Protein backbone atom coordinates (compact mmCIF):
# COMPACT_ATOMS: atom_id res chain seq x y z
CA UNK A 1 -10.30 1.32 -11.25
CA UNK A 2 -6.95 -0.27 -11.98
CA UNK A 3 -5.54 -2.85 -9.61
CA UNK A 4 -2.52 -0.61 -8.93
CA UNK A 5 -4.81 2.17 -7.75
CA UNK A 6 -6.80 -0.27 -5.61
CA UNK A 7 -3.62 -1.65 -4.02
CA UNK A 8 -2.31 1.83 -3.33
CA UNK A 9 -5.61 2.93 -1.77
CA UNK A 10 -6.08 -0.22 0.30
CA UNK A 11 -2.45 -0.04 1.43
CA UNK A 12 -2.91 3.53 2.63
CA UNK A 13 -6.09 2.50 4.47
CA UNK A 14 -4.36 -0.43 6.21
CA UNK A 15 -1.42 1.77 7.09
CA UNK A 16 -3.73 4.33 8.72
CA UNK A 17 -5.70 1.64 10.58
CA UNK A 18 -2.45 0.14 11.81
CA UNK A 19 -1.23 3.49 13.09
CA UNK A 20 -4.50 3.99 14.99
CA UNK A 21 -4.28 0.51 16.53
CA UNK A 22 -0.62 1.00 17.42
CA UNK A 23 -1.29 4.37 19.08
CA UNK A 24 -4.32 3.01 20.93
CA UNK A 25 -2.25 0.07 22.15
CA UNK A 26 0.43 2.43 23.45
CA UNK A 27 -2.09 4.67 25.22
CA UNK A 28 -3.80 1.77 26.99
CA UNK A 29 -0.61 -0.27 27.50
CA UNK A 30 -2.06 -3.08 25.39
CA UNK A 31 0.99 -4.80 23.90
CA UNK A 32 -1.13 -7.12 21.77
CA UNK A 33 -3.04 -4.27 20.11
CA UNK A 34 0.16 -2.29 19.64
CA UNK A 35 1.84 -5.25 17.93
CA UNK A 36 -1.20 -5.87 15.76
CA UNK A 37 -1.14 -2.22 14.74
CA UNK A 38 2.54 -2.32 13.84
CA UNK A 39 1.99 -5.43 11.73
CA UNK A 40 -1.00 -3.92 9.92
CA UNK A 41 0.91 -0.69 9.32
CA UNK A 42 3.81 -2.60 7.77
CA UNK A 43 1.43 -4.70 5.65
CA UNK A 44 -0.20 -1.48 4.46
CA UNK A 45 3.15 -0.02 3.45
CA UNK A 46 3.98 -3.18 1.52
CA UNK A 47 0.61 -3.19 -0.27
CA UNK A 48 0.97 0.50 -1.10
CA UNK A 49 4.43 -0.11 -2.58
CA UNK A 50 3.11 -3.06 -4.59
CA UNK A 51 0.51 -0.71 -6.05
CA UNK A 52 3.22 1.81 -6.95
CA UNK A 53 5.29 -0.92 -8.62
CA UNK A 54 2.26 -2.12 -10.59
CA UNK A 55 1.59 1.45 -11.68
CA UNK A 56 5.19 1.80 -12.92
CA UNK A 57 4.92 -1.47 -14.84
CA UNK A 58 1.60 -0.43 -16.39
CA UNK A 59 3.17 2.88 -17.40
CA UNK A 60 6.17 1.12 -18.97
CA UNK A 61 3.91 -1.25 -20.89
CA UNK A 62 1.78 1.64 -22.18
CA UNK A 63 4.84 3.59 -23.33
CA UNK A 64 6.28 0.49 -25.02
CA UNK A 65 2.99 -0.06 -26.87
CA UNK A 66 2.88 3.54 -28.03
CA UNK A 67 6.49 3.41 -29.23
CA UNK A 68 5.92 0.19 -31.15
CA UNK A 69 3.72 1.97 -33.67
CA UNK A 70 6.28 4.75 -34.29
CA UNK A 71 9.08 2.55 -35.61
């Protein structure tokens, strides 16, 4: 599995866990858990976007390599 796929998957997982923590914190009026959830959700979004960026870079590198042989 490529690192971009791993980052995207792990980011989605952290984002989901963060949303659960945030919602649980809101339900039980636990500000600490709610804040922790928001932070984890944001970190998950960042990691997911890093994975997408890596995937775009990998795609660009692959297309550049394939074009090199056609010149």
